[in-house]
């Protein structure tokens, strides 16, 4: 029953685990990763175009106003953000299957929201969990997994960039 709950939380099947054991992505995993990457690429490309258009518009205003430092600074900032977004679109995805084996520990991480220099906004604490296995840290872990995996020995199959858990299996006792 515990294995079924873990599979549900991490959304993988036996066929996925079999492919991951041999160092490959299953057809379903490959399809999901490509769809997620396409979505992120389209989103970043859209933002890039918005900031590029904004930079051009503010640039035209800056050229016509000539002495308005604020417009020139705004144009530079918009172009820098557009360049940063463009670099995000060009990021290489490493979907090679990696594995780590060890005891699973969940750690609660608390962070404060907002900026330190903006006193008008009330900063609040936001909690999330990290799942740690050996030297690997998986951020924003599903808290439902704590009950099933905390302290147990598992093999975790994942991709490095971006870091995604593909499947897990308990370490067999007869090793």
Protein backbone atom coordinates (compact mmCIF):
# COMPACT_ATOMS: atom_id res chain seq x y z
CA UNK A 1 0.00 0.00 0.00
CA UNK A 2 2.84 2.38 0.88
CA UNK A 3 4.44 1.93 -2.57
CA UNK A 4 1.14 2.76 -4.28
CA UNK A 5 0.83 5.99 -2.25
CA UNK A 6 4.38 7.02 -3.18
CA UNK A 7 3.68 6.31 -6.87
CA UNK A 8 0.53 8.43 -6.70
CA UNK A 9 2.31 11.35 -5.01
CA UNK A 10 5.20 11.31 -7.49
CA UNK A 11 3.05 10.36 -10.52
CA UNK A 12 5.04 7.43 -11.89
CA UNK A 13 4.23 3.88 -12.92
CA UNK A 14 6.09 0.56 -12.90
CA UNK A 15 7.05 1.04 -16.57
CA UNK A 16 8.64 4.41 -15.66
CA UNK A 17 10.66 2.78 -12.87
CA UNK A 18 11.82 -0.01 -15.19
CA UNK A 19 13.07 2.50 -17.77
CA UNK A 20 14.76 4.61 -15.07
CA UNK A 21 16.63 1.58 -13.69
CA UNK A 22 18.29 1.19 -17.09
CA UNK A 23 19.19 4.89 -17.14
CA UNK A 24 16.49 5.95 -19.59
CA UNK A 25 13.30 7.98 -19.55
CA UNK A 26 10.08 6.16 -20.25
CA UNK A 27 7.98 7.33 -23.17
CA UNK A 28 5.47 8.96 -20.78
CA UNK A 29 8.22 10.75 -18.81
CA UNK A 30 9.87 12.00 -21.99
CA UNK A 31 6.53 13.32 -23.24
CA UNK A 32 5.76 15.08 -19.91
CA UNK A 33 9.22 16.66 -19.73
CA UNK A 34 9.02 17.91 -23.32
CA UNK A 35 5.55 19.38 -22.72
CA UNK A 36 6.72 21.16 -19.55
CA UNK A 37 9.81 22.48 -21.31
CA UNK A 38 7.75 23.73 -24.25
CA UNK A 39 5.41 25.54 -21.86
CA UNK A 40 8.31 27.22 -20.04
CA UNK A 41 9.97 28.12 -23.34
CA UNK A 42 6.76 29.68 -24.70
CA UNK A 43 6.17 31.57 -21.46
CA UNK A 44 9.72 32.96 -21.34
CA UNK A 45 9.61 33.80 -25.06
CA UNK A 46 6.36 35.72 -24.53
CA UNK A 47 7.84 37.65 -21.62
CA UNK A 48 10.97 38.34 -23.68
CA UNK A 49 8.85 39.86 -26.46
CA UNK A 50 6.86 41.97 -23.99
CA UNK A 51 9.99 43.39 -22.37
CA UNK A 52 11.69 43.89 -25.75
CA UNK A 53 8.65 45.78 -27.08
CA UNK A 54 8.52 47.80 -23.86
CA UNK A 55 12.22 48.62 -24.19
CA UNK A 56 11.74 49.75 -27.79
CA UNK A 57 8.72 51.87 -26.87
CA UNK A 58 10.51 53.50 -23.92
CA UNK A 59 13.61 53.90 -26.13
CA UNK A 60 11.57 55.85 -28.69
CA UNK A 61 10.20 58.06 -25.91
CA UNK A 62 13.73 58.53 -24.51
CA UNK A 63 15.10 59.59 -27.90
CA UNK A 64 12.30 62.12 -28.36
CA UNK A 65 12.63 63.51 -24.80
CA UNK A 66 16.48 63.46 -24.97
CA UNK A 67 17.15 64.79 -21.44
CA UNK A 68 14.85 62.51 -19.47
CA UNK A 69 17.21 60.27 -17.47
CA UNK A 70 14.29 58.20 -16.14
CA UNK A 71 13.26 57.10 -19.64
CA UNK A 72 16.85 56.19 -20.55
CA UNK A 73 17.21 54.18 -17.33
CA UNK A 74 13.85 52.48 -17.95
CA UNK A 75 14.91 51.54 -21.48
CA UNK A 76 18.18 50.03 -20.25
CA UNK A 77 16.40 48.08 -17.49
CA UNK A 78 13.77 46.72 -19.90
CA UNK A 79 16.47 45.62 -22.37
CA UNK A 80 18.50 43.96 -19.58
CA UNK A 81 15.44 42.03 -18.40
CA UNK A 82 14.71 41.02 -22.01
CA UNK A 83 18.29 39.74 -22.41
CA UNK A 84 18.03 37.83 -19.12
CA UNK A 85 14.75 36.22 -20.27
CA UNK A 86 16.30 35.34 -23.64
CA UNK A 87 19.15 33.57 -21.84
CA UNK A 88 16.53 31.61 -19.86
CA UNK A 89 14.99 30.39 -23.12
CA UNK A 90 18.42 29.22 -24.28
CA UNK A 91 19.13 27.16 -21.10
CA UNK A 92 20.12 23.60 -21.89
CA UNK A 93 17.95 20.89 -20.37
CA UNK A 94 19.81 17.85 -19.03
CA UNK A 95 17.24 15.09 -19.01
CA UNK A 96 19.75 12.28 -18.48
CA UNK A 97 18.54 9.95 -15.74
CA UNK A 98 20.57 10.27 -12.53
CA UNK A 99 20.19 8.22 -9.38
CA UNK A 100 21.01 8.65 -5.72
CA UNK A 101 20.68 6.08 -2.99
CA UNK A 102 20.37 6.67 0.72
CA UNK A 103 18.23 7.53 3.69
CA UNK A 104 15.43 9.98 2.96
CA UNK A 105 15.10 12.99 5.24
CA UNK A 106 12.58 15.78 4.96
CA UNK A 107 13.58 19.18 6.26
CA UNK A 108 11.15 22.05 6.82
CA UNK A 109 12.50 25.26 5.30
CA UNK A 110 11.11 28.63 6.33
CA UNK A 111 11.69 31.79 4.32
CA UNK A 112 10.33 35.30 4.63
CA UNK A 113 8.52 36.87 1.71
CA UNK A 114 9.08 40.35 0.34
CA UNK A 115 12.11 42.60 0.21
CA UNK A 116 14.18 43.67 3.20
CA UNK A 117 14.23 47.28 2.06
CA UNK A 118 10.45 47.63 1.55
CA UNK A 119 8.99 48.35 4.98
CA UNK A 120 5.51 49.09 3.61
CA UNK A 121 4.87 45.39 2.93
CA UNK A 122 4.46 43.03 5.83
CA UNK A 123 6.85 40.11 5.49
CA UNK A 124 5.39 36.71 6.25
CA UNK A 125 6.96 33.30 6.77
CA UNK A 126 6.47 30.72 4.05
CA UNK A 127 7.20 27.08 4.82
CA UNK A 128 8.10 24.30 2.43
CA UNK A 129 9.88 20.96 2.65
CA UNK A 130 13.10 19.74 1.10
CA UNK A 131 13.68 16.06 0.52
CA UNK A 132 17.31 15.11 1.07
CA UNK A 133 18.83 11.87 -0.13
CA UNK A 134 22.59 11.49 0.13
CA UNK A 135 24.14 14.65 -1.32
CA UNK A 136 21.05 15.57 -3.37
CA UNK A 137 18.42 18.08 -2.25
CA UNK A 138 14.99 18.17 -3.88
CA UNK A 139 13.24 21.46 -3.12
CA UNK A 140 9.53 21.98 -2.58
CA UNK A 141 8.88 18.32 -1.75
CA UNK A 142 5.37 16.96 -1.37
CA UNK A 143 4.64 16.85 2.40
CA UNK A 144 2.40 13.80 1.87
CA UNK A 145 5.59 11.79 1.22
CA UNK A 146 6.92 12.41 4.75
CA UNK A 147 4.63 9.78 6.24
CA UNK A 148 5.73 7.14 3.73
CA UNK A 149 9.42 7.85 3.12
CA UNK A 150 10.93 9.66 6.15
CA UNK A 151 13.95 7.70 7.43
CA UNK A 152 13.64 4.92 4.87
CA UNK A 153 16.37 3.92 2.43
CA UNK A 154 15.44 4.59 -1.19
CA UNK A 155 16.91 4.85 -4.64
CA UNK A 156 15.69 8.08 -6.24
CA UNK A 157 15.86 8.50 -10.02
CA UNK A 158 15.83 12.11 -11.22
CA UNK A 159 16.89 14.59 -13.88
CA UNK A 160 19.56 17.16 -13.05
CA UNK A 161 18.45 20.28 -14.98
CA UNK A 162 15.76 20.99 -14.04
CA UNK A 163 15.81 18.77 -10.99
CA UNK A 164 12.78 16.48 -11.23
CA UNK A 165 12.13 13.26 -9.35
CA UNK A 166 11.18 10.61 -11.90
CA UNK A 167 10.66 7.55 -9.71
CA UNK A 168 11.74 5.96 -6.43
CA UNK A 169 12.13 2.46 -5.07
CA UNK A 170 13.01 1.15 -1.65
CA UNK A 171 16.51 -0.24 -1.23
CA UNK A 172 16.17 -3.99 -1.05
CA UNK A 173 17.16 -5.60 2.25
CA UNK A 174 19.18 -8.40 0.59
CA UNK A 175 21.98 -6.15 -0.75
